[in-house]
Amino acid sequence: MQTLIKISWRNIWRNPTRSIVIIIAIVLGLMGGVFSAGMRLGVETQQFEETVENQISHIQIHHPRFIANPESHYRIEGGAQMAKKIHQMPGVAQVAHRTVFDGMIATANMNTGVRIKGIDPVKEALTTHLDDLMVDGTYFEDNGRLPSVIMGHKLAEELRADLGSRVVLTFQDISGEMVSASFRVEGLYSVTSLRFEERTIFVKANELNQLIGDKTAVTEIAVVLENLDQYREATDELKKLYPHAEVRNWADMAPSLYYSMEFLHQNLAWVVGIIILGVSFGLLNTILMSVLERVNELGVLMAIGMKKIRVFSMVVLETTLLSIVGGAVGLILSYTMVMLLNIRGIDMSGAGGEGMADFGYASHIYLKVPPALYYEIGILVIGFAVLAAIYPAWKAIRLQPAEAVRQE
């Protein structure tokens, strides 16, 4: 076997130009496949982190009628105690209870509808990392005369509100009466989703609850799991424990994102496989040309007693060695490419990427390539190379030694 490998290796470099060309083709195909996979994974991962990790959490619990009518009187009975019990459940990392409902925000310039979220700043920071999303001002650190509100940077632009500006929130209390209260803009946050940034504001829950007339009000419980893969099991368990509450996981709340992620996982290997398959046809053509050019030589080898299985193995080995060399170089360059591109990310804003934010996608993309993907691509390259070598190898053993040695 060792002798056969040496012969195959020497045969590859009998025509170095052709071998280098096919190695370059394999390298470029691999880099293209890794880039395509990394780009798609990067986009979906960033959107998932923005939507699930920073906005909706893994699981949410509400009053059954809250989803259709997000009003303050649709409260979760014993919500604070429920949140404490859920936090003690195995597999639960963080829990935050909120007072959430729709209302209006107004400045001297204009007014618009918003979703008001009354939060515990400490628990919210642990759950959705809202404090890390701040781009201006402070995160509930100011204890001024007016209660503080944190709003999206885009919403502040639309309202023409600056840090320190006075805004008026209008909403219904638990009895359905309209309530208006003044707040001061303490900070601005920013997320990829412009819709969320334009519509969602945050205030302290204890201050908001006093205004609606129920100091212990809870209309939403957000749950973050230690292992996201267990979200369905955790949802089912919470539904059994609290049958009178509406329990939804991130897949229920963001179905388009869920189906996008599912489709991505199913078709990613196919996309990379198709790219490598195209390269394999070039490899097949190269090896076939090599076999046809060596008809006389192969005829002599079989005439002097070389078994057809060894001729077949020799051709397959030539292809395999070429794919190993091209694959190794391609994976190393692909890894280097990903590392270099991720230093600053890929800025898509100049290519119409600014509009991506309207759909919840970041305009600045970082490639995401799990280590396992490199191994999978390497296996695909070798596998397709072996398949590509079968036909040329079969053509080689079909040669008749007596006829082959007479060909020039």
Protein backbone atom coordinates (compact mmCIF):
# COMPACT_ATOMS: atom_id res chain seq x y z
CA MET A 1 0.00 0.00 0.00
CA GLN A 2 2.84 2.37 0.86
CA THR A 3 4.40 1.75 -2.56
CA LEU A 4 1.07 2.45 -4.26
CA ILE A 5 0.77 5.74 -2.38
CA LYS A 6 4.27 6.79 -3.50
CA ILE A 7 3.47 5.93 -7.13
CA SER A 8 0.18 7.85 -6.96
CA TRP A 9 1.91 10.88 -5.42
CA ARG A 10 4.55 10.92 -8.16
CA ASN A 11 1.89 10.56 -10.84
CA ILE A 12 0.12 13.67 -9.50
CA TRP A 13 3.21 15.82 -9.99
CA ARG A 14 4.11 14.52 -13.42
CA ASN A 15 1.97 17.38 -14.67
CA PRO A 16 2.38 19.99 -11.90
CA THR A 17 0.45 22.72 -13.73
CA ARG A 18 -2.68 20.60 -14.00
CA SER A 19 -2.41 19.44 -10.38
CA ILE A 20 -1.94 22.99 -9.07
CA VAL A 21 -4.95 24.19 -11.06
CA ILE A 22 -7.22 21.52 -9.58
CA ILE A 23 -5.86 22.20 -6.07
CA ILE A 24 -6.64 25.90 -6.54
CA ALA A 25 -10.14 24.96 -7.73
CA ILE A 26 -10.67 22.87 -4.57
CA VAL A 27 -9.32 25.68 -2.38
CA LEU A 28 -11.58 28.31 -3.96
CA GLY A 29 -14.59 25.99 -3.78
CA LEU A 30 -13.95 25.37 -0.09
CA MET A 31 -13.47 29.05 0.66
CA GLY A 32 -16.68 29.83 -1.21
CA GLY A 33 -18.57 27.15 0.71
CA VAL A 34 -17.24 28.29 4.08
CA PHE A 35 -17.98 31.94 3.28
CA SER A 36 -21.54 31.15 2.19
CA ALA A 37 -22.19 29.03 5.26
CA GLY A 38 -20.49 31.53 7.59
CA MET A 39 -22.44 34.45 6.16
CA ARG A 40 -25.79 32.73 6.51
CA LEU A 41 -25.02 31.39 9.98
CA GLY A 42 -23.70 34.80 11.05
CA VAL A 43 -26.82 36.62 9.90
CA GLU A 44 -29.20 34.14 11.54
CA THR A 45 -27.16 33.93 14.76
CA GLN A 46 -27.07 37.70 15.12
CA GLN A 47 -30.81 37.94 14.52
CA PHE A 48 -31.46 35.14 17.01
CA GLU A 49 -29.35 36.82 19.70
CA GLU A 50 -31.03 40.17 19.08
CA THR A 51 -34.57 38.80 18.99
CA VAL A 52 -34.49 36.03 21.57
CA GLU A 53 -31.65 36.87 23.93
CA ASN A 54 -32.15 40.66 24.04
CA GLN A 55 -35.88 41.06 23.44
CA ILE A 56 -38.32 38.21 24.09
CA SER A 57 -36.29 35.68 26.16
CA HIS A 58 -36.67 31.90 25.85
CA ILE A 59 -40.14 31.63 27.42
CA GLN A 60 -42.82 34.14 28.37
CA ILE A 61 -45.88 33.73 30.60
CA HIS A 62 -48.99 35.95 30.44
CA HIS A 63 -52.64 36.11 31.39
CA PRO A 64 -54.56 34.17 28.68
CA ARG A 65 -56.32 37.33 27.45
CA PHE A 66 -53.23 39.56 27.56
CA ILE A 67 -51.92 38.49 24.13
CA ALA A 68 -54.96 39.83 22.30
CA ASN A 69 -55.42 42.83 24.64
CA PRO A 70 -52.16 43.96 26.30
CA GLU A 71 -53.78 45.97 29.11
CA SER A 72 -52.77 46.40 32.74
CA HIS A 73 -55.88 44.73 34.23
CA TYR A 74 -54.91 41.39 32.61
CA ARG A 75 -52.49 40.58 35.39
CA ILE A 76 -50.93 37.26 36.43
CA GLU A 77 -52.33 36.36 39.83
CA GLY A 78 -49.46 35.95 42.28
CA GLY A 79 -47.01 36.78 39.51
CA ALA A 80 -44.09 37.72 41.76
CA GLN A 81 -44.34 34.48 43.77
CA MET A 82 -44.75 32.50 40.56
CA ALA A 83 -41.54 34.03 39.19
CA LYS A 84 -39.64 33.04 42.35
CA LYS A 85 -40.85 29.43 42.10
CA ILE A 86 -39.94 29.22 38.41
CA HIS A 87 -36.46 30.55 39.16
CA GLN A 88 -35.94 27.63 41.55
CA MET A 89 -36.82 25.05 38.91
CA PRO A 90 -33.96 22.90 37.50
CA GLY A 91 -32.59 24.23 34.21
CA VAL A 92 -33.81 27.82 34.72
CA ALA A 93 -31.04 30.42 34.63
CA GLN A 94 -32.88 33.74 35.09
CA VAL A 95 -36.44 34.99 35.57
CA ALA A 96 -37.76 38.55 35.32
CA HIS A 97 -41.32 39.66 36.07
CA ARG A 98 -42.60 42.81 34.38
CA THR A 99 -45.58 45.09 34.12
CA VAL A 100 -46.20 45.42 30.39
CA PHE A 101 -49.00 47.10 28.46
CA ASP A 102 -49.60 49.47 25.57
CA GLY A 103 -49.88 53.24 25.90
CA MET A 104 -48.94 56.59 24.38
CA ILE A 105 -45.82 58.70 24.70
CA ALA A 106 -45.87 62.42 23.95
CA THR A 107 -43.40 65.27 23.75
CA ALA A 108 -43.87 68.90 22.85
CA ASN A 109 -43.31 67.91 19.22
CA MET A 110 -45.41 64.78 18.67
CA ASN A 111 -46.88 61.61 20.18
CA THR A 112 -46.99 57.94 19.22
CA GLY A 113 -48.10 54.56 20.50
CA VAL A 114 -45.58 52.48 22.47
CA ARG A 115 -45.34 49.34 24.55
CA ILE A 116 -44.48 50.31 28.10
CA LYS A 117 -42.39 47.79 30.06
CA GLY A 118 -42.13 48.21 33.79
CA ILE A 119 -39.06 46.30 34.89
CA ASP A 120 -36.73 45.53 37.77
CA PRO A 121 -33.48 47.01 36.36
CA VAL A 122 -31.26 44.38 38.01
CA LYS A 123 -33.30 41.37 36.90
CA GLU A 124 -33.79 42.79 33.41
CA ALA A 125 -30.04 43.25 33.01
CA LEU A 126 -29.52 39.58 33.90
CA THR A 127 -32.34 38.42 31.62
CA THR A 128 -32.11 40.49 28.42
CA HIS A 129 -28.85 42.43 29.04
CA LEU A 130 -30.66 45.71 28.50
CA ASP A 131 -27.83 47.55 30.27
CA ASP A 132 -25.40 46.36 27.56
CA LEU A 133 -27.64 47.79 24.82
CA MET A 134 -27.34 51.35 26.09
CA VAL A 135 -25.78 53.79 23.60
CA ASP A 136 -26.32 57.05 25.49
CA GLY A 137 -27.19 58.20 28.99
CA THR A 138 -27.32 55.94 32.03
CA TYR A 139 -29.23 52.80 33.03
CA PHE A 140 -31.64 53.75 35.82
CA GLU A 141 -28.94 55.43 37.91
CA ASP A 142 -30.56 58.87 38.26
CA ASN A 143 -33.01 59.46 41.11
CA GLY A 144 -34.36 62.82 40.03
CA ARG A 145 -37.69 64.49 40.71
CA LEU A 146 -39.30 62.76 37.74
CA PRO A 147 -39.20 58.97 37.21
CA SER A 148 -36.84 57.82 34.49
CA VAL A 149 -37.65 56.29 31.12
CA ILE A 150 -35.29 54.51 28.73
CA MET A 151 -36.29 54.51 25.08
CA GLY A 152 -34.91 53.39 21.74
CA HIS A 153 -32.52 55.70 19.92
CA LYS A 154 -34.78 55.65 16.84
CA LEU A 155 -37.86 56.56 18.89
CA ALA A 156 -35.98 59.48 20.47
CA GLU A 157 -35.15 60.76 16.98
CA GLU A 158 -38.79 60.55 15.91
CA LEU A 159 -39.99 62.32 19.06
CA ARG A 160 -37.10 64.82 18.90
CA ALA A 161 -36.36 63.95 22.49
CA ASP A 162 -32.90 64.32 24.03
CA LEU A 163 -31.43 63.08 27.28
CA GLY A 164 -33.14 64.94 30.08
CA SER A 165 -36.23 65.72 28.00
CA ARG A 166 -39.63 65.53 29.67
CA VAL A 167 -42.12 63.09 28.13
CA VAL A 168 -45.68 62.23 29.09
CA LEU A 169 -46.92 58.64 29.19
CA THR A 170 -50.65 57.95 28.93
CA PHE A 171 -52.19 54.56 29.67
CA GLN A 172 -55.04 52.78 31.46
CA ASP A 173 -54.90 51.77 35.10
CA ILE A 174 -56.30 48.47 36.42
CA SER A 175 -59.83 49.92 36.56
CA GLY A 176 -59.72 51.16 32.95
CA GLU A 177 -59.28 54.83 33.81
CA MET A 178 -56.83 56.91 31.76
CA VAL A 179 -53.66 57.94 33.59
CA SER A 180 -51.00 60.43 32.45
CA ALA A 181 -47.62 60.91 34.10
CA SER A 182 -44.42 62.80 33.34
CA PHE A 183 -41.10 61.00 32.93
CA ARG A 184 -37.57 62.13 32.15
CA VAL A 185 -35.46 60.53 29.41
CA GLU A 186 -32.46 59.04 31.22
CA GLY A 187 -30.96 56.79 28.55
CA LEU A 188 -31.19 55.50 25.02
CA TYR A 189 -30.74 51.92 23.85
CA SER A 190 -30.23 50.49 20.38
CA VAL A 191 -31.03 47.09 18.84
CA THR A 192 -31.01 45.73 15.30
CA SER A 193 -34.80 45.64 15.04
CA LEU A 194 -35.98 49.18 14.29
CA ARG A 195 -39.57 48.14 15.01
CA PHE A 196 -38.67 47.14 18.57
CA GLU A 197 -36.52 50.25 19.01
CA GLU A 198 -39.30 52.55 17.79
CA ARG A 199 -42.04 50.95 19.88
CA THR A 200 -40.63 49.77 23.22
CA ILE A 201 -39.79 51.88 26.27
CA PHE A 202 -38.67 50.85 29.77
CA VAL A 203 -39.50 52.31 33.17
CA LYS A 204 -39.15 51.00 36.71
CA ALA A 205 -41.92 48.55 37.61
CA ASN A 206 -42.44 49.88 41.15
CA GLU A 207 -43.03 53.41 39.83
CA LEU A 208 -45.34 52.20 37.06
CA ASN A 209 -47.32 49.94 39.41
CA GLN A 210 -48.10 52.85 41.71
CA LEU A 211 -49.60 54.73 38.76
CA ILE A 212 -51.87 51.86 37.68
CA GLY A 213 -53.09 51.19 41.22
CA ASP A 214 -51.53 47.81 42.00
CA LYS A 215 -48.09 47.79 43.64
CA THR A 216 -47.63 44.04 43.04
CA ALA A 217 -48.90 43.94 39.44
CA VAL A 218 -47.22 41.49 37.04
CA THR A 219 -48.42 41.05 33.46
CA GLU A 220 -45.40 39.22 32.02
CA ILE A 221 -42.82 36.72 33.25
CA ALA A 222 -39.71 36.18 31.13
CA VAL A 223 -37.70 32.98 31.57
CA VAL A 224 -34.13 32.28 30.41
CA LEU A 225 -33.01 28.65 30.39
CA GLU A 226 -29.54 27.27 31.04
CA ASN A 227 -29.83 25.06 27.95
CA LEU A 228 -31.87 26.55 25.12
CA ASP A 229 -32.26 23.12 23.50
CA GLN A 230 -34.61 22.20 26.36
CA TYR A 231 -37.08 25.01 25.62
CA ARG A 232 -39.89 22.72 24.45
CA GLU A 233 -39.62 20.45 27.50
CA ALA A 234 -39.53 23.49 29.80
CA THR A 235 -42.58 24.98 28.06
CA ASP A 236 -44.56 21.77 28.49
CA GLU A 237 -43.60 21.55 32.17
CA LEU A 238 -44.66 25.16 32.85
CA LYS A 239 -47.97 24.57 31.06
CA LYS A 240 -48.66 21.63 33.38
CA LEU A 241 -47.72 23.65 36.47
CA TYR A 242 -49.72 26.72 35.44
CA PRO A 243 -52.62 25.54 33.25
CA HIS A 244 -54.52 28.83 33.65
CA ALA A 245 -51.63 30.93 32.24
CA GLU A 246 -50.54 31.43 28.65
CA VAL A 247 -47.05 29.90 28.29
CA ARG A 248 -45.19 30.51 25.02
CA ASN A 249 -41.61 29.83 23.98
CA TRP A 250 -39.49 31.82 21.53
CA ALA A 251 -40.56 29.62 18.59
CA ASP A 252 -44.21 30.51 19.29
CA MET A 253 -43.45 34.22 19.65
CA ALA A 254 -41.11 34.49 16.64
CA PRO A 255 -42.30 31.78 14.20
CA SER A 256 -40.59 33.35 11.18
CA LEU A 257 -37.24 33.23 12.98
CA TYR A 258 -37.88 29.64 14.08
CA TYR A 259 -38.65 28.44 10.55
CA SER A 260 -35.70 30.37 9.19
CA MET A 261 -33.36 28.67 11.68
CA GLU A 262 -34.86 25.25 10.95
CA PHE A 263 -34.51 25.76 7.20
CA LEU A 264 -30.95 26.97 7.65
CA HIS A 265 -29.90 23.86 9.56
CA GLN A 266 -31.51 21.58 7.00
CA ASN A 267 -30.17 23.17 3.82
CA LEU A 268 -26.74 24.38 4.92
CA ALA A 269 -25.04 21.07 4.15
CA TRP A 270 -26.81 20.97 0.79
CA VAL A 271 -25.53 24.43 -0.17
CA VAL A 272 -21.95 23.55 0.72
CA GLY A 273 -22.34 20.12 -0.89
CA ILE A 274 -23.51 21.61 -4.19
CA ILE A 275 -20.49 23.95 -4.29
CA ILE A 276 -18.10 21.06 -3.62
CA LEU A 277 -19.96 18.87 -6.12
CA GLY A 278 -19.25 21.47 -8.80
CA VAL A 279 -15.56 21.35 -7.92
CA SER A 280 -15.69 17.54 -8.01
CA PHE A 281 -16.79 17.56 -11.65
CA GLY A 282 -13.68 19.56 -12.47
CA LEU A 283 -11.65 17.04 -10.53
CA LEU A 284 -13.30 14.17 -12.40
CA ASN A 285 -12.47 15.80 -15.74
CA THR A 286 -8.83 16.29 -14.73
CA ILE A 287 -8.34 12.70 -13.57
CA LEU A 288 -10.12 11.35 -16.65
CA MET A 289 -7.79 13.36 -18.91
CA SER A 290 -4.83 12.01 -16.93
CA VAL A 291 -6.04 8.43 -17.43
CA LEU A 292 -6.58 8.88 -21.18
CA GLU A 293 -3.12 10.40 -21.56
CA ARG A 294 -1.58 7.36 -19.83
CA VAL A 295 -3.38 4.62 -21.73
CA ASN A 296 -0.10 3.17 -23.03
CA GLU A 297 1.50 3.28 -19.59
CA LEU A 298 -1.47 1.65 -17.89
CA GLY A 299 -1.56 -1.04 -20.59
CA VAL A 300 2.09 -1.86 -19.93
CA LEU A 301 1.49 -2.07 -16.17
CA MET A 302 -1.37 -4.51 -16.63
CA ALA A 303 0.58 -6.46 -19.28
CA ILE A 304 3.43 -7.10 -16.85
CA GLY A 305 1.04 -8.39 -14.21
CA MET A 306 -0.32 -5.44 -12.26
CA LYS A 307 -3.78 -6.40 -11.05
CA LYS A 308 -6.75 -4.32 -12.08
CA ILE A 309 -7.67 -3.67 -8.45
CA ARG A 310 -4.26 -2.02 -7.93
CA VAL A 311 -4.73 0.09 -11.07
CA PHE A 312 -8.16 1.10 -9.79
CA SER A 313 -6.73 1.90 -6.34
CA MET A 314 -3.89 3.92 -7.87
CA VAL A 315 -6.28 6.21 -9.78
CA VAL A 316 -8.54 6.63 -6.74
CA LEU A 317 -5.50 7.37 -4.57
CA GLU A 318 -4.31 10.07 -6.97
CA THR A 319 -7.68 11.78 -6.69
CA THR A 320 -7.83 11.34 -2.92
CA LEU A 321 -4.34 12.76 -2.41
CA LEU A 322 -5.19 15.76 -4.59
CA SER A 323 -8.36 16.37 -2.56
CA ILE A 324 -6.50 16.01 0.76
CA VAL A 325 -3.90 18.56 -0.28
CA GLY A 326 -6.48 20.95 -1.71
CA GLY A 327 -8.83 20.38 1.23
CA ALA A 328 -6.14 21.01 3.86
CA VAL A 329 -4.95 24.19 2.17
CA GLY A 330 -8.54 25.28 1.57
CA LEU A 331 -9.60 24.78 5.20
CA ILE A 332 -6.54 26.63 6.52
CA LEU A 333 -7.16 29.56 4.17
CA SER A 334 -10.89 29.48 4.94
CA TYR A 335 -10.20 29.69 8.67
CA THR A 336 -7.76 32.55 8.07
CA MET A 337 -10.33 34.32 5.87
CA VAL A 338 -13.02 34.07 8.55
CA MET A 339 -10.66 35.37 11.25
CA LEU A 340 -9.59 38.35 9.14
CA LEU A 341 -13.13 39.27 8.06
CA ASN A 342 -14.37 39.09 11.65
CA ILE A 343 -11.83 41.60 12.91
CA ARG A 344 -14.14 44.39 11.79
CA GLY A 345 -17.04 42.45 10.31
CA ILE A 346 -18.61 42.88 6.88
CA ASP A 347 -20.29 46.25 6.52
CA MET A 348 -23.37 45.82 4.31
CA SER A 349 -24.68 49.36 4.77
CA GLY A 350 -23.08 50.53 1.53
CA ALA A 351 -24.89 47.79 -0.42
CA GLY A 352 -28.40 48.55 0.72
CA GLY A 353 -27.83 46.88 4.07
CA GLU A 354 -29.41 49.75 6.01
CA GLY A 355 -32.83 48.42 4.97
CA MET A 356 -31.99 45.06 6.58
CA ALA A 357 -32.78 46.58 9.99
CA ASP A 358 -36.43 46.87 8.94
CA PHE A 359 -36.53 43.07 8.92
CA GLY A 360 -34.52 42.63 12.12
CA TYR A 361 -31.15 41.93 10.46
CA ALA A 362 -27.91 43.69 11.30
CA SER A 363 -26.19 45.65 8.54
CA HIS A 364 -22.80 44.76 10.06
CA ILE A 365 -22.28 41.01 9.76
CA TYR A 366 -19.78 38.71 11.45
CA LEU A 367 -19.23 35.28 9.93
CA LYS A 368 -20.19 32.37 12.15
CA VAL A 369 -18.43 29.09 11.37
CA PRO A 370 -18.56 26.40 14.10
CA PRO A 371 -15.41 24.22 14.31
CA ALA A 372 -17.49 21.15 13.46
CA LEU A 373 -18.39 22.70 10.10
CA TYR A 374 -14.74 22.66 9.01
CA TYR A 375 -14.55 18.92 9.72
CA GLU A 376 -17.83 18.27 7.92
CA ILE A 377 -16.66 20.20 4.86
CA GLY A 378 -13.35 18.33 4.88
CA ILE A 379 -15.18 15.00 4.91
CA LEU A 380 -17.44 16.17 2.08
CA VAL A 381 -14.42 17.14 -0.03
CA ILE A 382 -12.76 13.75 0.37
CA GLY A 383 -16.05 11.90 -0.11
CA PHE A 384 -16.91 13.72 -3.33
CA ALA A 385 -13.32 13.29 -4.56
CA VAL A 386 -13.51 9.53 -4.14
CA LEU A 387 -16.84 9.46 -5.97
CA ALA A 388 -15.35 11.60 -8.74
CA ALA A 389 -12.48 9.14 -9.11
CA ILE A 390 -14.66 6.08 -9.63
CA TYR A 391 -15.46 6.70 -13.29
CA PRO A 392 -11.86 7.45 -14.41
CA ALA A 393 -10.65 4.44 -12.40
CA TRP A 394 -13.31 2.26 -14.01
CA LYS A 395 -12.21 3.49 -17.46
CA ALA A 396 -8.64 2.56 -16.56
CA ILE A 397 -9.39 -1.06 -15.64
CA ARG A 398 -11.59 -1.46 -18.74
CA LEU A 399 -8.51 -1.07 -20.92
CA GLN A 400 -7.30 -4.20 -22.75
CA PRO A 401 -3.51 -4.50 -22.17
CA ALA A 402 -2.80 -5.76 -25.71
CA GLU A 403 -4.61 -2.81 -27.29
CA ALA A 404 -3.45 -0.23 -24.75
CA VAL A 405 0.27 -0.88 -25.23
CA ARG A 406 -0.08 -0.24 -28.98
CA GLN A 407 -1.65 3.19 -28.48
CA GLU A 408 0.60 6.22 -28.77
